[in-house]
N, C-alpha and C. Protein backbone atom coordinates (compact mmCIF):
# COMPACT_ATOMS: atom_id res chain seq x y z
N MET A 1 0.82 -1.22 0.00
CA MET A 1 0.00 0.00 0.00
C MET A 1 0.85 1.27 0.00
N THR A 2 1.95 1.19 0.78
CA THR A 2 2.79 2.38 0.83
C THR A 2 3.48 2.66 -0.49
N GLY A 3 3.69 1.60 -1.31
CA GLY A 3 4.35 1.82 -2.58
C GLY A 3 3.48 2.54 -3.59
N CYS A 4 2.15 2.61 -3.34
CA CYS A 4 1.24 3.27 -4.29
C CYS A 4 1.06 4.76 -4.00
N ARG A 5 1.57 5.24 -2.88
CA ARG A 5 1.33 6.64 -2.52
C ARG A 5 1.97 7.64 -3.49
N PRO A 6 3.16 7.41 -4.00
CA PRO A 6 3.73 8.42 -4.90
C PRO A 6 2.94 8.64 -6.18
N PHE A 7 2.16 7.65 -6.61
CA PHE A 7 1.43 7.79 -7.87
C PHE A 7 0.41 8.93 -7.85
N PRO A 8 -0.47 9.03 -6.80
CA PRO A 8 -1.40 10.18 -6.78
C PRO A 8 -0.68 11.52 -6.73
N LEU A 9 0.48 11.54 -6.01
CA LEU A 9 1.22 12.80 -5.96
C LEU A 9 1.70 13.21 -7.34
N ARG A 10 2.19 12.24 -8.10
CA ARG A 10 2.63 12.55 -9.46
C ARG A 10 1.45 13.00 -10.32
N ALA A 11 0.29 12.35 -10.08
CA ALA A 11 -0.90 12.72 -10.86
C ALA A 11 -1.31 14.16 -10.57
N VAL A 12 -1.24 14.54 -9.28
CA VAL A 12 -1.61 15.91 -8.92
C VAL A 12 -0.64 16.90 -9.55
N ARG A 13 0.66 16.56 -9.44
CA ARG A 13 1.65 17.46 -10.03
C ARG A 13 1.46 17.57 -11.55
N GLY A 14 1.17 16.46 -12.18
CA GLY A 14 0.93 16.49 -13.62
C GLY A 14 -0.30 17.29 -13.97
N ASP A 15 -1.34 17.18 -13.12
CA ASP A 15 -2.57 17.93 -13.37
C ASP A 15 -2.31 19.43 -13.25
N ARG A 16 -1.52 19.82 -12.25
CA ARG A 16 -1.18 21.24 -12.10
C ARG A 16 -0.37 21.72 -13.30
N LEU A 17 0.55 20.89 -13.73
CA LEU A 17 1.35 21.26 -14.89
C LEU A 17 0.47 21.43 -16.12
N PHE A 18 -0.53 20.56 -16.25
CA PHE A 18 -1.45 20.65 -17.38
C PHE A 18 -2.23 21.97 -17.34
N HIS A 19 -2.72 22.30 -16.13
CA HIS A 19 -3.48 23.55 -16.01
C HIS A 19 -2.59 24.77 -16.29
N PHE A 20 -1.34 24.71 -15.86
CA PHE A 20 -0.42 25.82 -16.14
C PHE A 20 -0.22 25.98 -17.64
N ASN A 21 -0.02 24.89 -18.35
CA ASN A 21 0.15 24.95 -19.80
C ASN A 21 -1.11 25.44 -20.48
N TYR A 22 -2.27 25.06 -19.93
CA TYR A 22 -3.53 25.48 -20.52
C TYR A 22 -3.68 27.00 -20.42
N ARG A 23 -3.35 27.55 -19.24
CA ARG A 23 -3.43 29.01 -19.09
C ARG A 23 -2.42 29.70 -19.99
N TYR A 24 -1.25 29.12 -20.12
CA TYR A 24 -0.22 29.69 -20.99
C TYR A 24 -0.68 29.69 -22.45
N MET A 25 -1.36 28.62 -22.85
CA MET A 25 -1.89 28.55 -24.21
C MET A 25 -2.95 29.62 -24.43
N ASN A 26 -3.81 29.84 -23.44
CA ASN A 26 -4.83 30.88 -23.57
C ASN A 26 -4.19 32.26 -23.74
N TRP A 27 -3.12 32.54 -22.99
CA TRP A 27 -2.42 33.82 -23.12
C TRP A 27 -1.81 33.97 -24.51
N ASP A 28 -1.29 32.90 -25.04
CA ASP A 28 -0.75 32.94 -26.40
C ASP A 28 -1.83 33.24 -27.42
N ILE A 29 -3.00 32.65 -27.21
CA ILE A 29 -4.12 32.89 -28.14
C ILE A 29 -4.54 34.36 -28.08
N ILE A 30 -4.59 34.92 -26.87
CA ILE A 30 -4.97 36.33 -26.72
C ILE A 30 -3.95 37.23 -27.41
N LYS A 31 -2.66 36.96 -27.18
CA LYS A 31 -1.63 37.78 -27.82
C LYS A 31 -1.70 37.68 -29.34
N THR A 32 -1.95 36.48 -29.84
CA THR A 32 -2.06 36.30 -31.29
C THR A 32 -3.25 37.06 -31.86
N ALA A 33 -4.38 37.00 -31.14
CA ALA A 33 -5.59 37.70 -31.60
C ALA A 33 -5.38 39.21 -31.60
N VAL A 34 -4.75 39.73 -30.54
CA VAL A 34 -4.49 41.17 -30.46
C VAL A 34 -3.54 41.61 -31.57
N ALA A 35 -2.48 40.81 -31.79
CA ALA A 35 -1.52 41.14 -32.85
C ALA A 35 -2.19 41.11 -34.22
N ALA A 36 -3.08 40.12 -34.44
CA ALA A 36 -3.78 40.04 -35.72
C ALA A 36 -4.71 41.23 -35.91
N PHE A 37 -5.37 41.66 -34.83
CA PHE A 37 -6.28 42.80 -34.91
C PHE A 37 -5.53 44.07 -35.28
N PHE A 38 -4.43 44.34 -34.56
CA PHE A 38 -3.66 45.54 -34.85
C PHE A 38 -2.99 45.46 -36.22
N GLY A 39 -2.59 44.26 -36.62
CA GLY A 39 -2.03 44.10 -37.95
C GLY A 39 -3.04 44.43 -39.03
N ALA A 40 -4.29 43.99 -38.83
CA ALA A 40 -5.35 44.30 -39.79
C ALA A 40 -5.63 45.80 -39.83
N CYS A 41 -5.63 46.45 -38.65
CA CYS A 41 -5.86 47.90 -38.61
C CYS A 41 -4.76 48.66 -39.34
N ILE A 42 -3.52 48.25 -39.10
CA ILE A 42 -2.39 48.92 -39.75
C ILE A 42 -2.45 48.74 -41.26
N ALA A 43 -2.81 47.53 -41.69
CA ALA A 43 -2.91 47.28 -43.14
C ALA A 43 -4.04 48.11 -43.75
N THR A 44 -5.15 48.22 -43.03
CA THR A 44 -6.28 49.00 -43.55
C THR A 44 -5.94 50.48 -43.65
N LEU A 45 -5.18 50.99 -42.67
CA LEU A 45 -4.85 52.41 -42.64
C LEU A 45 -3.56 52.74 -43.37
N GLN A 46 -3.03 51.80 -44.12
CA GLN A 46 -1.76 52.02 -44.81
C GLN A 46 -1.76 53.27 -45.70
N PRO A 47 -2.86 53.59 -46.42
CA PRO A 47 -2.85 54.79 -47.27
C PRO A 47 -2.69 56.11 -46.50
N VAL A 48 -3.00 56.11 -45.20
CA VAL A 48 -2.87 57.36 -44.44
C VAL A 48 -1.71 57.29 -43.44
N HIS A 49 -0.82 56.33 -43.62
CA HIS A 49 0.34 56.22 -42.73
C HIS A 49 1.17 57.49 -42.74
N ASN A 50 1.42 58.03 -43.93
CA ASN A 50 2.27 59.22 -44.04
C ASN A 50 1.66 60.42 -43.32
N ALA A 51 0.34 60.58 -43.47
CA ALA A 51 -0.33 61.70 -42.79
C ALA A 51 -0.21 61.56 -41.28
N MET A 52 -0.41 60.35 -40.77
CA MET A 52 -0.33 60.12 -39.33
C MET A 52 1.10 60.30 -38.83
N LEU A 53 2.07 59.86 -39.62
CA LEU A 53 3.47 60.03 -39.23
C LEU A 53 3.85 61.50 -39.17
N LEU A 54 3.39 62.28 -40.14
CA LEU A 54 3.67 63.72 -40.14
C LEU A 54 3.08 64.40 -38.90
N LEU A 55 1.86 64.01 -38.55
CA LEU A 55 1.24 64.59 -37.36
C LEU A 55 2.04 64.25 -36.11
N LEU A 56 2.51 63.01 -36.03
CA LEU A 56 3.33 62.61 -34.88
C LEU A 56 4.61 63.43 -34.79
N ILE A 57 5.27 63.62 -35.93
CA ILE A 57 6.53 64.38 -35.94
C ILE A 57 6.30 65.83 -35.53
N PHE A 58 5.30 66.48 -36.14
CA PHE A 58 5.06 67.89 -35.83
C PHE A 58 4.55 68.07 -34.40
N ALA A 59 3.75 67.12 -33.93
CA ALA A 59 3.28 67.21 -32.54
C ALA A 59 4.44 67.07 -31.57
N ALA A 60 5.35 66.15 -31.86
CA ALA A 60 6.52 65.97 -30.99
C ALA A 60 7.38 67.24 -30.96
N CYS A 61 7.59 67.85 -32.13
CA CYS A 61 8.36 69.10 -32.19
C CYS A 61 7.65 70.22 -31.45
N ASP A 62 6.33 70.30 -31.60
CA ASP A 62 5.56 71.33 -30.92
C ASP A 62 5.68 71.18 -29.41
N ILE A 63 5.55 69.94 -28.92
CA ILE A 63 5.65 69.70 -27.48
C ILE A 63 7.06 70.03 -26.99
N LEU A 64 8.07 69.60 -27.74
CA LEU A 64 9.46 69.84 -27.33
C LEU A 64 9.77 71.33 -27.24
N PHE A 65 9.46 72.09 -28.30
CA PHE A 65 9.77 73.51 -28.29
C PHE A 65 8.87 74.28 -27.32
N GLY A 66 7.66 73.78 -27.10
CA GLY A 66 6.80 74.39 -26.09
C GLY A 66 7.38 74.24 -24.70
N ILE A 67 7.91 73.05 -24.40
CA ILE A 67 8.55 72.83 -23.10
C ILE A 67 9.78 73.72 -22.93
N LEU A 68 10.61 73.78 -23.99
CA LEU A 68 11.82 74.61 -23.92
C LEU A 68 11.47 76.09 -23.74
N ALA A 69 10.46 76.55 -24.49
CA ALA A 69 10.07 77.96 -24.37
C ALA A 69 9.55 78.26 -22.97
N GLY A 70 8.79 77.33 -22.40
CA GLY A 70 8.28 77.54 -21.06
C GLY A 70 9.38 77.55 -20.01
N LEU A 71 10.33 76.62 -20.12
CA LEU A 71 11.39 76.51 -19.13
C LEU A 71 12.42 77.63 -19.25
N ILE A 72 12.79 77.98 -20.49
CA ILE A 72 13.89 78.93 -20.70
C ILE A 72 13.38 80.37 -20.81
N ALA A 73 12.40 80.60 -21.69
CA ALA A 73 11.95 81.97 -21.94
C ALA A 73 11.00 82.47 -20.86
N ALA A 74 10.00 81.66 -20.53
CA ALA A 74 8.99 82.11 -19.57
C ALA A 74 9.32 81.76 -18.13
N ARG A 75 10.38 80.99 -17.90
CA ARG A 75 10.79 80.59 -16.55
C ARG A 75 9.67 79.85 -15.83
N GLU A 76 8.96 79.02 -16.57
CA GLU A 76 7.88 78.25 -15.98
C GLU A 76 8.36 76.84 -15.65
N ARG A 77 7.66 76.21 -14.73
CA ARG A 77 7.94 74.82 -14.43
C ARG A 77 7.25 73.92 -15.45
N PHE A 78 7.80 72.73 -15.59
CA PHE A 78 7.18 71.78 -16.51
C PHE A 78 5.78 71.44 -16.03
N SER A 79 4.82 71.54 -16.94
CA SER A 79 3.42 71.27 -16.61
C SER A 79 3.00 69.94 -17.23
N PHE A 80 2.81 68.95 -16.39
CA PHE A 80 2.37 67.65 -16.89
C PHE A 80 0.96 67.74 -17.46
N LYS A 81 0.15 68.63 -16.91
CA LYS A 81 -1.21 68.81 -17.40
C LYS A 81 -1.21 69.30 -18.85
N LYS A 82 -0.32 70.27 -19.16
CA LYS A 82 -0.22 70.76 -20.53
C LYS A 82 0.28 69.67 -21.47
N PHE A 83 1.21 68.85 -20.97
CA PHE A 83 1.73 67.75 -21.79
C PHE A 83 0.62 66.76 -22.14
N ILE A 84 -0.19 66.40 -21.14
CA ILE A 84 -1.30 65.49 -21.38
C ILE A 84 -2.31 66.11 -22.34
N LEU A 85 -2.54 67.42 -22.19
CA LEU A 85 -3.48 68.11 -23.08
C LEU A 85 -2.99 68.08 -24.52
N ALA A 86 -1.69 68.33 -24.72
CA ALA A 86 -1.12 68.28 -26.07
C ALA A 86 -1.21 66.87 -26.65
N ALA A 87 -0.94 65.87 -25.83
CA ALA A 87 -1.07 64.49 -26.30
C ALA A 87 -2.52 64.16 -26.64
N GLY A 88 -3.45 64.70 -25.86
CA GLY A 88 -4.87 64.49 -26.16
C GLY A 88 -5.28 65.12 -27.47
N TYR A 89 -4.78 66.34 -27.74
CA TYR A 89 -5.05 66.97 -29.03
C TYR A 89 -4.54 66.11 -30.19
N LEU A 90 -3.34 65.58 -30.01
CA LEU A 90 -2.77 64.73 -31.06
C LEU A 90 -3.65 63.52 -31.31
N LEU A 91 -4.13 62.88 -30.26
CA LEU A 91 -5.00 61.71 -30.43
C LEU A 91 -6.29 62.09 -31.14
N VAL A 92 -6.82 63.27 -30.82
CA VAL A 92 -8.04 63.73 -31.51
C VAL A 92 -7.76 63.93 -33.00
N TYR A 93 -6.63 64.56 -33.33
CA TYR A 93 -6.29 64.80 -34.73
C TYR A 93 -6.10 63.49 -35.48
N LEU A 94 -5.40 62.55 -34.85
CA LEU A 94 -5.22 61.23 -35.48
C LEU A 94 -6.56 60.54 -35.65
N GLY A 95 -7.42 60.67 -34.65
CA GLY A 95 -8.75 60.07 -34.76
C GLY A 95 -9.56 60.66 -35.90
N ILE A 96 -9.45 61.97 -36.10
CA ILE A 96 -10.16 62.61 -37.21
C ILE A 96 -9.67 62.06 -38.54
N VAL A 97 -8.34 61.93 -38.69
CA VAL A 97 -7.78 61.38 -39.93
C VAL A 97 -8.30 59.97 -40.17
N VAL A 98 -8.27 59.15 -39.13
CA VAL A 98 -8.72 57.75 -39.27
C VAL A 98 -10.20 57.69 -39.62
N MET A 99 -11.02 58.49 -38.95
CA MET A 99 -12.47 58.43 -39.20
C MET A 99 -12.82 58.93 -40.60
N VAL A 100 -12.17 60.02 -41.03
CA VAL A 100 -12.44 60.53 -42.37
C VAL A 100 -12.10 59.48 -43.42
N TYR A 101 -10.94 58.86 -43.27
CA TYR A 101 -10.54 57.84 -44.24
C TYR A 101 -11.46 56.62 -44.17
N ALA A 102 -11.84 56.21 -42.96
CA ALA A 102 -12.70 55.03 -42.82
C ALA A 102 -14.07 55.27 -43.46
N VAL A 103 -14.63 56.46 -43.25
CA VAL A 103 -15.94 56.76 -43.86
C VAL A 103 -15.83 56.71 -45.38
N GLY A 104 -14.81 57.35 -45.94
CA GLY A 104 -14.65 57.33 -47.39
C GLY A 104 -14.41 55.94 -47.94
N LYS A 105 -13.59 55.15 -47.24
CA LYS A 105 -13.26 53.81 -47.72
C LYS A 105 -14.49 52.91 -47.76
N TYR A 106 -15.28 52.94 -46.70
CA TYR A 106 -16.43 52.04 -46.64
C TYR A 106 -17.67 52.60 -47.33
N GLN A 107 -17.56 53.84 -47.84
CA GLN A 107 -18.61 54.39 -48.70
C GLN A 107 -18.16 54.40 -50.16
N ASP A 108 -17.08 53.68 -50.45
CA ASP A 108 -16.55 53.58 -51.82
C ASP A 108 -16.14 54.94 -52.39
N ASP A 109 -15.67 55.82 -51.53
CA ASP A 109 -15.15 57.12 -51.95
C ASP A 109 -13.72 57.29 -51.45
N THR A 110 -12.90 56.30 -51.71
CA THR A 110 -11.55 56.29 -51.14
C THR A 110 -10.72 57.48 -51.60
N GLN A 111 -10.76 57.80 -52.90
CA GLN A 111 -9.96 58.90 -53.41
C GLN A 111 -10.39 60.24 -52.83
N GLU A 112 -11.70 60.43 -52.70
CA GLU A 112 -12.19 61.67 -52.10
C GLU A 112 -11.77 61.77 -50.63
N ALA A 113 -11.82 60.63 -49.93
CA ALA A 113 -11.42 60.62 -48.53
C ALA A 113 -9.94 60.93 -48.38
N LEU A 114 -9.11 60.40 -49.28
CA LEU A 114 -7.68 60.69 -49.23
C LEU A 114 -7.41 62.17 -49.48
N TYR A 115 -8.20 62.78 -50.36
CA TYR A 115 -8.03 64.22 -50.62
C TYR A 115 -8.38 65.03 -49.37
N VAL A 116 -9.48 64.66 -48.71
CA VAL A 116 -9.87 65.37 -47.49
C VAL A 116 -8.81 65.18 -46.40
N VAL A 117 -8.30 63.96 -46.28
CA VAL A 117 -7.23 63.69 -45.31
C VAL A 117 -6.02 64.57 -45.59
N LYS A 118 -5.69 64.70 -46.87
CA LYS A 118 -4.55 65.54 -47.26
C LYS A 118 -4.77 66.99 -46.85
N VAL A 119 -5.97 67.50 -47.09
CA VAL A 119 -6.26 68.90 -46.77
C VAL A 119 -6.20 69.13 -45.26
N ILE A 120 -6.87 68.28 -44.48
CA ILE A 120 -6.88 68.51 -43.04
C ILE A 120 -5.50 68.28 -42.43
N THR A 121 -4.70 67.42 -43.06
CA THR A 121 -3.32 67.24 -42.58
C THR A 121 -2.53 68.52 -42.79
N TYR A 122 -2.72 69.18 -43.94
CA TYR A 122 -2.07 70.48 -44.17
C TYR A 122 -2.51 71.49 -43.11
N VAL A 123 -3.78 71.48 -42.77
CA VAL A 123 -4.28 72.44 -41.77
C VAL A 123 -3.65 72.17 -40.41
N PHE A 124 -3.65 70.90 -40.00
CA PHE A 124 -3.04 70.56 -38.71
C PHE A 124 -1.57 70.96 -38.68
N ILE A 125 -0.85 70.64 -39.76
CA ILE A 125 0.58 70.96 -39.82
C ILE A 125 0.80 72.47 -39.80
N TYR A 126 -0.10 73.22 -40.43
CA TYR A 126 0.04 74.69 -40.42
C TYR A 126 -0.02 75.23 -39.00
N PHE A 127 -1.02 74.80 -38.24
CA PHE A 127 -1.14 75.30 -36.88
C PHE A 127 -0.01 74.81 -35.99
N TYR A 128 0.41 73.56 -36.20
CA TYR A 128 1.58 73.08 -35.46
C TYR A 128 2.81 73.93 -35.79
N SER A 129 3.02 74.19 -37.08
CA SER A 129 4.18 74.97 -37.51
C SER A 129 4.14 76.38 -36.93
N SER A 130 2.97 76.98 -36.94
CA SER A 130 2.83 78.33 -36.39
C SER A 130 3.18 78.35 -34.91
N ASN A 131 2.73 77.34 -34.19
CA ASN A 131 3.02 77.29 -32.76
C ASN A 131 4.50 77.02 -32.50
N ILE A 132 5.10 76.15 -33.33
CA ILE A 132 6.53 75.87 -33.20
C ILE A 132 7.34 77.14 -33.43
N LEU A 133 7.00 77.90 -34.47
CA LEU A 133 7.73 79.13 -34.77
C LEU A 133 7.50 80.19 -33.70
N LYS A 134 6.31 80.21 -33.14
CA LYS A 134 6.05 81.16 -32.05
C LYS A 134 6.94 80.84 -30.85
N ASN A 135 7.08 79.55 -30.52
CA ASN A 135 7.95 79.16 -29.41
C ASN A 135 9.42 79.43 -29.73
N LEU A 136 9.80 79.22 -30.99
CA LEU A 136 11.18 79.54 -31.38
C LEU A 136 11.44 81.04 -31.28
N HIS A 137 10.42 81.83 -31.59
CA HIS A 137 10.56 83.29 -31.47
C HIS A 137 10.75 83.69 -30.01
N LEU A 138 10.09 82.98 -29.09
CA LEU A 138 10.30 83.25 -27.67
C LEU A 138 11.72 82.89 -27.25
N LEU A 139 12.25 81.81 -27.84
CA LEU A 139 13.61 81.40 -27.50
C LEU A 139 14.66 82.29 -28.16
N MET A 140 14.34 82.79 -29.38
CA MET A 140 15.27 83.64 -30.13
C MET A 140 14.54 84.88 -30.62
N PRO A 141 14.22 85.81 -29.74
CA PRO A 141 13.36 86.95 -30.11
C PRO A 141 13.95 87.88 -31.16
N ASP A 142 15.26 87.94 -31.27
CA ASP A 142 15.89 88.88 -32.21
C ASP A 142 16.34 88.21 -33.51
N ASN A 143 15.86 87.01 -33.75
CA ASN A 143 16.29 86.28 -34.94
C ASN A 143 15.35 86.59 -36.11
N PRO A 144 15.82 87.28 -37.16
CA PRO A 144 14.94 87.61 -38.29
C PRO A 144 14.55 86.39 -39.11
N VAL A 145 15.35 85.34 -39.06
CA VAL A 145 15.03 84.13 -39.84
C VAL A 145 13.73 83.52 -39.35
N ILE A 146 13.53 83.50 -38.05
CA ILE A 146 12.30 82.93 -37.49
C ILE A 146 11.09 83.74 -37.94
N ARG A 147 11.21 85.07 -37.91
CA ARG A 147 10.09 85.91 -38.35
C ARG A 147 9.79 85.69 -39.83
N PHE A 148 10.84 85.55 -40.64
CA PHE A 148 10.63 85.31 -42.07
C PHE A 148 9.98 83.95 -42.30
N LEU A 149 10.43 82.93 -41.58
CA LEU A 149 9.85 81.60 -41.75
C LEU A 149 8.38 81.60 -41.35
N ASP A 150 8.05 82.34 -40.30
CA ASP A 150 6.65 82.45 -39.89
C ASP A 150 5.81 83.04 -41.02
N TYR A 151 6.33 84.09 -41.64
CA TYR A 151 5.63 84.72 -42.77
C TYR A 151 5.58 83.79 -43.98
N PHE A 152 6.71 83.19 -44.33
CA PHE A 152 6.81 82.39 -45.55
C PHE A 152 5.98 81.12 -45.45
N ILE A 153 6.08 80.42 -44.33
CA ILE A 153 5.32 79.18 -44.17
C ILE A 153 3.83 79.47 -44.15
N GLY A 154 3.43 80.55 -43.47
CA GLY A 154 2.02 80.92 -43.48
C GLY A 154 1.53 81.22 -44.89
N LEU A 155 2.35 81.92 -45.67
CA LEU A 155 2.00 82.24 -47.06
C LEU A 155 1.82 80.98 -47.89
N GLN A 156 2.75 80.03 -47.77
CA GLN A 156 2.68 78.81 -48.57
C GLN A 156 1.49 77.95 -48.20
N PHE A 157 1.20 77.85 -46.91
CA PHE A 157 0.08 77.01 -46.50
C PHE A 157 -1.25 77.63 -46.90
N THR A 158 -1.37 78.95 -46.78
CA THR A 158 -2.63 79.57 -47.18
C THR A 158 -2.83 79.49 -48.69
N ARG A 159 -1.76 79.44 -49.45
CA ARG A 159 -1.89 79.21 -50.90
C ARG A 159 -2.29 77.77 -51.18
N LYS A 160 -1.76 76.85 -50.40
CA LYS A 160 -2.04 75.43 -50.62
C LYS A 160 -3.48 75.09 -50.25
N VAL A 161 -3.97 75.68 -49.19
CA VAL A 161 -5.34 75.44 -48.73
C VAL A 161 -6.06 76.78 -48.79
N ALA A 162 -6.82 76.98 -49.86
CA ALA A 162 -7.44 78.29 -50.11
C ALA A 162 -8.40 78.69 -48.99
N TRP A 163 -9.12 77.73 -48.44
CA TRP A 163 -10.11 78.04 -47.41
C TRP A 163 -9.46 78.44 -46.10
N LEU A 164 -8.21 78.09 -45.90
CA LEU A 164 -7.54 78.42 -44.65
C LEU A 164 -7.39 79.93 -44.48
N GLU A 165 -6.98 80.62 -45.53
CA GLU A 165 -6.82 82.08 -45.46
C GLU A 165 -8.16 82.75 -45.19
N GLU A 166 -9.21 82.26 -45.85
CA GLU A 166 -10.54 82.84 -45.63
C GLU A 166 -10.98 82.63 -44.18
N PHE A 167 -10.71 81.44 -43.65
CA PHE A 167 -11.06 81.16 -42.26
C PHE A 167 -10.31 82.08 -41.30
N LEU A 168 -9.01 82.27 -41.53
CA LEU A 168 -8.22 83.12 -40.65
C LEU A 168 -8.71 84.57 -40.68
N LYS A 169 -9.10 85.04 -41.87
CA LYS A 169 -9.63 86.40 -41.98
C LYS A 169 -10.93 86.55 -41.19
N LYS A 170 -11.82 85.56 -41.31
CA LYS A 170 -13.08 85.63 -40.57
C LYS A 170 -12.83 85.58 -39.07
N GLU A 171 -11.86 84.77 -38.66
CA GLU A 171 -11.52 84.70 -37.24
C GLU A 171 -11.03 86.05 -36.73
N GLN A 172 -10.19 86.71 -37.52
CA GLN A 172 -9.67 88.01 -37.10
C GLN A 172 -10.76 89.08 -37.10
N GLN A 173 -11.65 89.04 -38.10
CA GLN A 173 -12.74 90.01 -38.15
C GLN A 173 -13.67 89.83 -36.97
N GLY A 174 -14.00 88.58 -36.66
CA GLY A 174 -14.87 88.32 -35.51
C GLY A 174 -14.21 88.70 -34.21
N ALA A 175 -12.91 88.44 -34.11
CA ALA A 175 -12.19 88.80 -32.89
C ALA A 175 -12.09 90.30 -32.73
N GLY A 176 -11.88 91.02 -33.85
CA GLY A 176 -11.79 92.47 -33.78
C GLY A 176 -13.12 93.10 -33.39
N ALA A 177 -14.23 92.53 -33.87
CA ALA A 177 -15.54 93.06 -33.52
C ALA A 177 -15.86 92.87 -32.05
N ASP A 178 -15.37 91.75 -31.48
CA ASP A 178 -15.62 91.47 -30.07
C ASP A 178 -14.60 92.12 -29.14
N GLY A 179 -13.53 92.65 -29.74
CA GLY A 179 -12.48 93.24 -28.92
C GLY A 179 -11.62 92.23 -28.20
N THR A 180 -11.57 91.00 -28.72
CA THR A 180 -10.79 89.92 -28.08
C THR A 180 -9.88 89.28 -29.10
N GLU A 181 -9.19 90.09 -29.85
CA GLU A 181 -8.39 89.58 -30.96
C GLU A 181 -7.31 88.63 -30.50
N ASP A 182 -6.63 88.98 -29.42
CA ASP A 182 -5.50 88.16 -28.98
C ASP A 182 -5.95 86.79 -28.51
N ASP A 183 -7.17 86.72 -27.93
CA ASP A 183 -7.63 85.44 -27.40
C ASP A 183 -8.32 84.61 -28.45
N ALA A 184 -8.96 85.25 -29.42
CA ALA A 184 -9.77 84.49 -30.38
C ALA A 184 -8.94 83.91 -31.50
N VAL A 185 -7.89 84.62 -31.91
CA VAL A 185 -7.09 84.13 -33.03
C VAL A 185 -6.16 83.04 -32.54
N PRO A 186 -6.07 81.91 -33.22
CA PRO A 186 -5.15 80.86 -32.80
C PRO A 186 -3.74 81.38 -32.71
N GLU A 187 -2.99 80.87 -31.71
CA GLU A 187 -1.64 81.35 -31.47
C GLU A 187 -0.75 81.12 -32.67
N GLY A 188 0.02 82.14 -33.01
CA GLY A 188 1.03 81.99 -34.05
C GLY A 188 0.53 82.18 -35.46
N VAL A 189 -0.77 82.50 -35.64
CA VAL A 189 -1.27 82.59 -37.01
C VAL A 189 -1.57 84.02 -37.42
N GLY A 190 -1.39 84.98 -36.52
CA GLY A 190 -1.74 86.36 -36.86
C GLY A 190 -0.87 86.95 -37.93
N ALA A 191 0.44 86.75 -37.84
CA ALA A 191 1.37 87.39 -38.78
C ALA A 191 1.17 86.97 -40.22
N PRO A 192 1.04 85.66 -40.52
CA PRO A 192 0.85 85.28 -41.92
C PRO A 192 -0.42 85.86 -42.51
N SER A 193 -1.51 85.88 -41.73
CA SER A 193 -2.76 86.39 -42.26
C SER A 193 -2.69 87.90 -42.48
N ASP A 194 -2.04 88.63 -41.56
CA ASP A 194 -1.89 90.07 -41.74
C ASP A 194 -1.10 90.38 -43.00
N GLU A 195 -0.06 89.62 -43.22
CA GLU A 195 0.75 89.84 -44.42
C GLU A 195 -0.05 89.54 -45.68
N ALA A 196 -0.92 88.55 -45.61
CA ALA A 196 -1.76 88.24 -46.77
C ALA A 196 -2.69 89.40 -47.07
N ASP A 197 -3.23 90.04 -46.01
CA ASP A 197 -4.09 91.20 -46.23
C ASP A 197 -3.31 92.33 -46.89
N ARG A 198 -2.08 92.55 -46.45
CA ARG A 198 -1.27 93.61 -47.05
C ARG A 198 -0.97 93.34 -48.51
N ARG A 199 -0.72 92.08 -48.84
CA ARG A 199 -0.43 91.74 -50.24
C ARG A 199 -1.65 92.01 -51.12
N GLU A 200 -2.84 91.72 -50.59
CA GLU A 200 -4.05 91.97 -51.38
C GLU A 200 -4.24 93.48 -51.59
N GLU A 201 -3.95 94.29 -50.54
CA GLU A 201 -4.12 95.73 -50.68
C GLU A 201 -3.15 96.30 -51.72
N ARG A 202 -1.92 95.78 -51.72
CA ARG A 202 -0.94 96.25 -52.70
C ARG A 202 -1.35 95.87 -54.11
N GLY A 203 -1.95 94.64 -54.24
CA GLY A 203 -2.36 94.19 -55.57
C GLY A 203 -3.53 94.99 -56.08
């Protein structure tokens, strides 16, 4: 009788080992399913990869120069709340790109959706660029190159997206009527639009 005792112990140990392997297999299945899901999403969004990558790059530069301007020029402490807010804006912008493309793709209007994605990407990049140059101006206030780039980039983007210049003019007109021009106009976009008005008057 005593010689039979080790057998149940081995059976219990084997049963535990079996259950451990079973749980491990389930984890592998979950990882495979998640990887397959994200792989399918990436493949579906392949046509807008470049737009999303550009937004990531410009958002990273905007956050970096914003932090530097706050720490060096404004003598402010690092604000984690502002960092989270900037990251949230980026997620919203990426979500807009994805949703616009998804609607066009599943409504059989892929080319039109890609055009809209291209336009809104230009708009996002314009505002990111304006904010980056504004922060660079705070870091280098006497640098004429930064002022010229602010003017030149604003000019090129407003030519590329015709409705952008019209929108900026309406924003400035509405802000001027309310007496809140500095608060209503998006940061960093005043100079390019003002220069555009001057060019029209000269013409």
